[in-house]
C-alpha cells in the first residue's frame, strides 16, 4: 500500500486543522478495458459525439485531485451553436466483475446559445471492489445553458474520485448536481472559472458516509466577470466512524464588480464517532461584491425526532425523513424520475 496526498486546497490553513489535503493509503488498480458504457441521446442530430475511446490509452489522466492513472474511456460531446436539446444526454456506466476499473476523461462543450442537459450515472453490482476516477471538463460559451448531474451510486466498498473543471463565458449558466452516495472513499474536486459577465454557476451536492468512509470535498469558484452569480450548496449526513472534510472557496477576482456568491454546507452527524470538518472561505480583490457563507454540523434535533415519532413512526424511519427533508430541494432538481427514485432508495437502504 502506498500513501497519497490528494485534493489540496488552494488556500492553506494551519496544519493542525488537518483539512489542507487528504492522505490515503491505497493500492492503485491495474487499468484494463471497460466495456459497460452506454450513451443515450434522443437527438443525435443535435450533438456531435467524438473522440470515443474504450480501451487502455497511453495518456495519463491527471487532475486537481493530484491522482495520475492511465485512461480507459474518453469521450467528447459538443452541442453546436444554437442547438437546444429537449431531453438530457445520459451516460450510463455499469461496473461488474468484468469491468471493475474506470478512468474516464469526458469533455462537454456548449457553443454559443446552445442548451443541453447531461446525466452521468455510475452504478455497480454488489460485493466487489470497484475503482472510479472521472475527469470532466465543461466549457460553456456565450449565452449557453446546461444542467449536469453526476450520480455516484456504486457499491459500498468502491473508491470514487471525481474531478470537474468548468469554464464559462458571458451570460452562460451551468448547474451541477452531485449525488455522492456510493463507495468507502469519496473524493471530489470542483474548479470553476466564471470568465464572462453575467455568468451564473451553481454546484449543489448531497453525500452520505457510513462505517469507516472517507469523504473529502474541495470546491473552488473563481469569479472574473461582472454581474456574475455563483452558489455552493452541500447537504450531507455521516454515521459510524465516517470522516468528512468540506472545503469551499469563492474567490472574487479584480474586475468582478457587482457579482454575488453564496456557499453553504450542512452536515448531520448521526453517531458519536463520526467526524465532520468544514472550511468555508470567501476571498475578494474587488470592493463592490456580495458574498455569504455558512456552515452547520451537528446531531439531529431530538425534539424534532420526538415529534415525528409521536405520529407512530419508528426512530430509524424518523431519522430517514429528516435527512431526506434536508436533501429534498436538491433531489427535486433531478428531473429524471427513475434516477431520483433510485437515489432515494439508496438513501433509505444506507440509513
Protein backbone atom coordinates (compact mmCIF):
# COMPACT_ATOMS: atom_id res chain seq x y z
CA UNK A 1 0.00 0.00 0.00
CA UNK A 2 1.29 3.46 -0.93
CA UNK A 3 0.39 6.76 0.71
CA UNK A 4 -1.01 9.58 -1.46
CA UNK A 5 -1.55 13.23 -0.56
CA UNK A 6 -4.56 14.41 -2.57
CA UNK A 7 -7.11 17.19 -3.05
CA UNK A 8 -5.02 20.04 -1.69
CA UNK A 9 -6.72 23.36 -1.01
CA UNK A 10 -5.56 26.43 -2.92
CA UNK A 11 -5.63 28.35 0.37
CA UNK A 12 -3.61 26.84 3.21
CA UNK A 13 -4.66 26.76 6.85
CA UNK A 14 -2.75 25.67 9.93
CA UNK A 15 -1.62 22.05 9.57
CA UNK A 16 -3.13 21.09 12.90
CA UNK A 17 -6.61 21.61 11.46
CA UNK A 18 -5.97 18.57 9.26
CA UNK A 19 -8.02 19.86 6.33
CA UNK A 20 -5.48 21.18 3.80
CA UNK A 21 -5.46 17.83 1.99
CA UNK A 22 -6.35 14.19 2.43
CA UNK A 23 -3.81 11.44 2.95
CA UNK A 24 -4.86 7.99 1.72
CA UNK A 25 -3.17 4.65 1.86
CA UNK A 26 -4.25 2.63 -1.16
CA UNK A 27 -3.09 0.37 -3.92
CA UNK A 28 -3.80 1.80 -7.35
CA UNK A 29 -5.51 -0.75 -9.61
CA UNK A 30 -4.40 -2.14 -12.93
CA UNK A 31 -6.37 -0.28 -15.60
CA UNK A 32 -8.00 -2.60 -18.13
CA UNK A 33 -10.56 -2.23 -20.87
CA UNK A 34 -14.01 -1.00 -19.72
CA UNK A 35 -16.93 -2.12 -21.89
CA UNK A 36 -20.10 -1.31 -19.93
CA UNK A 37 -20.64 2.29 -21.07
CA UNK A 38 -23.81 3.40 -22.85
CA UNK A 39 -24.59 6.79 -24.41
CA UNK A 40 -28.31 7.54 -24.58
CA UNK A 41 -29.47 10.56 -26.55
CA UNK A 42 -32.77 11.02 -28.38
CA UNK A 43 -31.49 13.85 -30.54
CA UNK A 44 -28.35 12.51 -32.18
CA UNK A 45 -28.54 15.08 -34.97
CA UNK A 46 -28.20 17.94 -32.45
CA UNK A 47 -24.99 16.82 -30.81
CA UNK A 48 -21.52 15.97 -32.02
CA UNK A 49 -20.00 12.87 -30.42
CA UNK A 50 -16.31 12.45 -30.94
CA UNK A 51 -13.03 11.24 -29.52
CA UNK A 52 -14.51 7.97 -28.25
CA UNK A 53 -12.02 5.58 -26.73
CA UNK A 54 -12.93 2.46 -24.74
CA UNK A 55 -9.56 0.84 -24.27
CA UNK A 56 -6.50 1.46 -22.13
CA UNK A 57 -4.78 4.55 -23.54
CA UNK A 58 -1.16 5.59 -23.32
CA UNK A 59 -2.03 9.04 -21.99
CA UNK A 60 -2.06 9.59 -18.25
CA UNK A 61 -5.06 11.25 -16.66
CA UNK A 62 -4.19 13.93 -14.13
CA UNK A 63 -6.43 16.42 -12.37
CA UNK A 64 -6.53 18.88 -9.50
CA UNK A 65 -7.14 15.93 -7.19
CA UNK A 66 -3.49 15.05 -7.77
CA UNK A 67 -4.00 11.48 -8.97
CA UNK A 68 -2.37 10.12 -12.14
CA UNK A 69 -3.60 6.98 -13.94
CA UNK A 70 -3.93 5.61 -17.47
CA UNK A 71 -7.28 6.40 -19.10
CA UNK A 72 -9.54 3.62 -20.37
CA UNK A 73 -12.51 5.67 -21.60
CA UNK A 74 -12.56 9.05 -23.37
CA UNK A 75 -15.46 10.98 -24.85
CA UNK A 76 -16.04 14.46 -26.30
CA UNK A 77 -19.57 15.87 -26.60
CA UNK A 78 -20.18 19.15 -28.44
CA UNK A 79 -23.53 20.93 -28.68
CA UNK A 80 -23.37 23.14 -31.80
CA UNK A 81 -24.27 26.81 -31.90
CA UNK A 82 -27.95 27.50 -31.31
CA UNK A 83 -28.96 23.85 -30.72
CA UNK A 84 -31.35 23.16 -27.85
CA UNK A 85 -31.82 19.57 -26.69
CA UNK A 86 -35.21 18.76 -25.19
CA UNK A 87 -34.07 15.56 -23.43
CA UNK A 88 -30.87 15.03 -21.42
CA UNK A 89 -27.92 13.09 -22.78
CA UNK A 90 -27.39 10.10 -20.46
CA UNK A 91 -24.04 8.42 -19.94
CA UNK A 92 -24.64 5.15 -18.11
CA UNK A 93 -21.63 3.29 -16.68
CA UNK A 94 -22.24 -0.06 -15.02
CA UNK A 95 -19.48 -1.81 -13.06
CA UNK A 96 -19.46 -5.61 -12.78
CA UNK A 97 -16.95 -8.43 -12.21
CA UNK A 98 -15.51 -7.93 -15.70
CA UNK A 99 -15.46 -4.12 -15.52
CA UNK A 100 -14.08 -3.10 -12.14
CA UNK A 101 -11.91 -0.08 -13.01
CA UNK A 102 -12.99 3.03 -14.90
CA UNK A 103 -10.73 6.02 -15.57
CA UNK A 104 -12.84 8.25 -17.80
CA UNK A 105 -11.99 11.59 -19.37
CA UNK A 106 -15.11 13.38 -20.61
CA UNK A 107 -15.30 16.79 -22.28
CA UNK A 108 -18.53 18.73 -22.79
CA UNK A 109 -18.59 21.90 -24.87
CA UNK A 110 -21.62 24.11 -25.45
CA UNK A 111 -21.24 26.56 -28.30
CA UNK A 112 -22.90 29.99 -28.33
CA UNK A 113 -26.64 29.89 -27.49
CA UNK A 114 -26.62 26.09 -27.07
CA UNK A 115 -28.69 24.34 -24.39
CA UNK A 116 -28.33 20.75 -23.20
CA UNK A 117 -28.51 18.71 -20.00
CA UNK A 118 -26.39 15.69 -19.12
CA UNK A 119 -26.67 12.80 -16.67
CA UNK A 120 -23.59 10.78 -15.74
CA UNK A 121 -24.61 7.68 -13.80
CA UNK A 122 -22.14 5.28 -12.17
CA UNK A 123 -23.69 2.13 -10.71
CA UNK A 124 -22.46 -1.36 -9.92
CA UNK A 125 -23.22 -4.88 -8.90
CA UNK A 126 -22.73 -5.65 -5.23
CA UNK A 127 -19.86 -7.31 -3.35
CA UNK A 128 -16.88 -6.22 -5.39
CA UNK A 129 -14.08 -3.68 -5.07
CA UNK A 130 -14.56 -1.07 -7.77
CA UNK A 131 -12.40 1.93 -8.65
CA UNK A 132 -13.65 5.04 -10.46
CA UNK A 133 -11.74 8.17 -11.45
CA UNK A 134 -13.61 10.77 -13.53
CA UNK A 135 -12.14 13.90 -15.04
CA UNK A 136 -14.89 16.06 -16.52
CA UNK A 137 -14.18 19.30 -18.36
CA UNK A 138 -17.02 21.63 -19.36
CA UNK A 139 -16.83 24.77 -21.48
CA UNK A 140 -19.96 26.90 -21.70
CA UNK A 141 -19.71 29.62 -24.34
CA UNK A 142 -21.79 32.79 -24.63
CA UNK A 143 -25.45 32.51 -23.63
CA UNK A 144 -25.33 28.70 -23.31
CA UNK A 145 -27.15 26.70 -20.62
CA UNK A 146 -26.68 23.29 -19.06
CA UNK A 147 -27.56 21.15 -16.06
CA UNK A 148 -25.10 18.33 -15.37
CA UNK A 149 -25.97 15.58 -12.90
CA UNK A 150 -23.35 13.15 -11.62
CA UNK A 151 -24.69 10.19 -9.63
CA UNK A 152 -22.20 8.01 -7.76
CA UNK A 153 -24.29 5.03 -6.66
CA UNK A 154 -21.51 2.46 -6.59
CA UNK A 155 -21.19 -0.42 -4.14
CA UNK A 156 -20.21 0.40 -0.55
CA UNK A 157 -16.66 -0.94 -0.99
CA UNK A 158 -15.83 1.18 -4.05
CA UNK A 159 -13.38 4.07 -4.34
CA UNK A 160 -14.62 7.18 -6.17
CA UNK A 161 -12.63 10.19 -7.39
CA UNK A 162 -14.45 12.97 -9.26
CA UNK A 163 -12.58 15.98 -10.68
CA UNK A 164 -14.50 18.71 -12.51
CA UNK A 165 -13.15 21.75 -14.34
CA UNK A 166 -15.74 24.25 -15.53
CA UNK A 167 -15.21 27.39 -17.67
CA UNK A 168 -17.98 29.85 -18.51
CA UNK A 169 -18.23 32.75 -20.92
CA UNK A 170 -20.61 35.71 -20.99
CA UNK A 171 -24.25 35.13 -19.94
CA UNK A 172 -23.78 31.37 -19.67
CA UNK A 173 -25.50 29.31 -16.98
CA UNK A 174 -24.29 25.94 -15.70
CA UNK A 175 -25.83 23.99 -12.83
CA UNK A 176 -24.06 20.97 -11.36
CA UNK A 177 -25.74 18.40 -9.11
CA UNK A 178 -23.61 15.71 -7.47
CA UNK A 179 -25.03 12.75 -5.58
CA UNK A 180 -22.11 11.18 -3.70
CA UNK A 181 -23.70 8.11 -2.15
CA UNK A 182 -21.57 5.08 -3.07
CA UNK A 183 -18.13 3.96 -2.01
CA UNK A 184 -15.99 3.86 1.09
CA UNK A 185 -13.80 6.62 -0.38
CA UNK A 186 -15.42 9.67 -1.97
CA UNK A 187 -13.02 12.39 -3.13
CA UNK A 188 -14.36 15.27 -5.22
CA UNK A 189 -12.75 18.41 -6.64
CA UNK A 190 -14.69 21.16 -8.41
CA UNK A 191 -12.87 24.09 -10.01
CA UNK A 192 -14.82 26.75 -11.90
CA UNK A 193 -13.78 29.92 -13.74
CA UNK A 194 -16.52 32.48 -14.39
CA UNK A 195 -14.78 34.47 -17.06
CA UNK A 196 -17.71 36.22 -18.71
CA UNK A 197 -20.00 38.96 -17.47
CA UNK A 198 -23.46 37.88 -16.23
CA UNK A 199 -22.38 34.23 -15.99
CA UNK A 200 -24.14 32.00 -13.43
CA UNK A 201 -22.81 28.83 -11.83
CA UNK A 202 -24.41 26.65 -9.16
CA UNK A 203 -22.92 23.49 -7.69
CA UNK A 204 -25.18 21.51 -5.39
CA UNK A 205 -24.35 18.18 -3.81
CA UNK A 206 -25.54 15.56 -1.37
CA UNK A 207 -23.38 12.96 0.34
CA UNK A 208 -23.68 10.03 2.75
CA UNK A 209 -20.94 8.48 4.87
CA UNK A 210 -21.17 5.32 6.96
CA UNK A 211 -18.87 2.81 8.66
CA UNK A 212 -15.25 3.97 8.07
CA UNK A 213 -15.97 6.05 4.96
CA UNK A 214 -13.67 8.91 3.95
CA UNK A 215 -15.25 11.94 2.26
CA UNK A 216 -13.18 14.89 1.03
CA UNK A 217 -14.94 17.71 -0.84
CA UNK A 218 -12.96 20.57 -2.38
CA UNK A 219 -14.94 23.23 -4.31
CA UNK A 220 -13.34 26.37 -5.71
CA UNK A 221 -15.09 29.02 -7.82
CA UNK A 222 -13.06 31.91 -9.26
CA UNK A 223 -15.09 34.92 -10.36
CA UNK A 224 -13.65 37.24 -13.02
CA UNK A 225 -16.69 38.67 -14.82
CA UNK A 226 -19.03 41.44 -13.75
CA UNK A 227 -22.59 40.80 -12.52
CA UNK A 228 -21.96 37.07 -12.09
CA UNK A 229 -23.76 34.76 -9.65
CA UNK A 230 -22.48 31.58 -8.01
CA UNK A 231 -23.79 29.25 -5.35
CA UNK A 232 -22.28 26.29 -3.48
CA UNK A 233 -24.84 24.23 -1.56
CA UNK A 234 -23.82 20.93 0.05
CA UNK A 235 -26.03 18.74 2.23
CA UNK A 236 -24.78 15.57 3.88
CA UNK A 237 -25.13 13.02 6.65
CA UNK A 238 -22.47 10.81 8.26
CA UNK A 239 -22.64 7.95 10.73
CA UNK A 240 -20.43 5.19 12.15
CA UNK A 241 -16.77 6.20 12.03
CA UNK A 242 -17.10 8.21 8.82
CA UNK A 243 -14.79 11.21 8.38
CA UNK A 244 -15.80 14.15 6.19
CA UNK A 245 -13.88 17.26 5.09
CA UNK A 246 -15.59 20.10 3.26
CA UNK A 247 -13.52 22.90 1.69
CA UNK A 248 -15.37 25.61 -0.21
CA UNK A 249 -13.84 28.74 -1.74
CA UNK A 250 -15.47 31.60 -3.64
CA UNK A 251 -12.78 33.93 -4.93
CA UNK A 252 -13.83 37.32 -6.32
CA UNK A 253 -11.01 38.44 -8.59
CA UNK A 254 -10.27 42.04 -9.56
CA UNK A 255 -12.87 43.19 -12.07
CA UNK A 256 -15.73 41.06 -10.67
CA UNK A 257 -17.86 44.11 -9.95
CA UNK A 258 -21.46 43.65 -8.76
CA UNK A 259 -21.05 39.89 -8.50
CA UNK A 260 -22.71 37.68 -5.86
CA UNK A 261 -21.62 34.43 -4.28
CA UNK A 262 -23.15 32.19 -1.62
CA UNK A 263 -21.80 29.00 -0.09
CA UNK A 264 -23.50 26.79 2.46
CA UNK A 265 -22.73 23.35 3.87
CA UNK A 266 -24.84 21.37 6.30
CA UNK A 267 -23.72 18.04 7.78
CA UNK A 268 -25.94 15.89 10.00
CA UNK A 269 -23.89 13.75 12.39
CA UNK A 270 -25.73 10.53 13.15
CA UNK A 271 -23.24 8.90 15.55
CA UNK A 272 -20.90 9.84 18.37
CA UNK A 273 -17.80 8.71 16.46
CA UNK A 274 -18.34 10.38 13.07
CA UNK A 275 -16.13 13.42 12.38
CA UNK A 276 -17.05 16.49 10.33
CA UNK A 277 -14.63 19.29 9.41
CA UNK A 278 -15.53 22.32 7.31
CA UNK A 279 -13.54 25.19 5.81
CA UNK A 280 -15.67 27.85 4.05
CA UNK A 281 -13.63 30.71 2.57
CA UNK A 282 -14.53 33.97 0.81
CA UNK A 283 -11.70 35.85 -0.93
CA UNK A 284 -12.09 39.26 -2.51
CA UNK A 285 -9.97 41.61 -4.60
CA UNK A 286 -12.93 43.72 -5.72
CA UNK A 287 -14.88 46.09 -3.49
CA UNK A 288 -18.38 46.07 -4.95
CA UNK A 289 -19.38 42.42 -4.48
CA UNK A 290 -21.69 40.40 -2.20
CA UNK A 291 -20.51 37.21 -0.54
CA UNK A 292 -22.10 34.93 2.06
CA UNK A 293 -21.02 31.69 3.63
CA UNK A 294 -22.38 29.42 6.31
CA UNK A 295 -21.60 26.01 7.79
CA UNK A 296 -23.58 23.92 10.23
CA UNK A 297 -22.95 20.47 11.60
CA UNK A 298 -24.44 18.60 14.50
CA UNK A 299 -26.81 15.89 15.60
CA UNK A 300 -30.46 15.75 14.61
CA UNK A 301 -32.74 17.85 16.81
CA UNK A 302 -34.15 15.45 19.43
CA UNK A 303 -37.33 17.49 19.75
CA UNK A 304 -37.94 17.14 16.03
CA UNK A 305 -37.29 13.40 16.22
CA UNK A 306 -39.69 13.02 19.16
CA UNK A 307 -42.42 14.95 17.36
CA UNK A 308 -42.20 12.72 14.29
CA UNK A 309 -42.17 9.58 16.45
CA UNK A 310 -45.40 10.69 18.16
CA UNK A 311 -47.04 10.10 14.76
CA UNK A 312 -46.29 6.38 15.08
CA UNK A 313 -43.05 6.47 13.09
CA UNK A 314 -40.04 4.49 14.32
CA UNK A 315 -36.81 6.18 15.43
CA UNK A 316 -34.88 5.00 12.37
CA UNK A 317 -37.61 6.00 9.92
CA UNK A 318 -37.86 9.40 11.62
CA UNK A 319 -34.12 9.93 11.06
CA UNK A 320 -34.52 9.00 7.41
CA UNK A 321 -37.34 11.51 6.99
CA UNK A 322 -35.25 14.33 8.45
CA UNK A 323 -32.22 13.52 6.29
CA UNK A 324 -34.33 13.27 3.13
CA UNK A 325 -36.06 16.54 4.01
CA UNK A 326 -32.65 18.25 4.08
CA UNK A 327 -31.80 16.68 0.73
CA UNK A 328 -35.19 17.34 -0.85
CA UNK A 329 -34.53 20.70 -2.53
CA UNK A 330 -31.51 19.30 -4.34
CA UNK A 331 -33.21 15.98 -5.15
CA UNK A 332 -36.15 17.81 -6.73
CA UNK A 333 -33.80 19.30 -9.30
CA UNK A 334 -33.10 15.81 -10.64
CA UNK A 335 -35.98 15.70 -13.12
CA UNK A 336 -35.20 12.14 -14.26
CA UNK A 337 -37.78 10.28 -12.17
CA UNK A 338 -36.08 6.88 -12.45
CA UNK A 339 -32.74 8.22 -11.20
CA UNK A 340 -34.38 10.28 -8.47
CA UNK A 341 -36.25 7.22 -7.15
CA UNK A 342 -33.07 5.14 -7.30
CA UNK A 343 -31.19 7.73 -5.26
CA UNK A 344 -33.98 7.92 -2.67
CA UNK A 345 -34.00 4.13 -2.40
CA UNK A 346 -30.23 4.08 -1.77
CA UNK A 347 -30.60 6.75 0.93
CA UNK A 348 -33.24 4.60 2.63
CA UNK A 349 -31.06 1.49 2.46
CA UNK A 350 -27.92 3.27 3.66
CA UNK A 351 -29.59 4.90 6.64
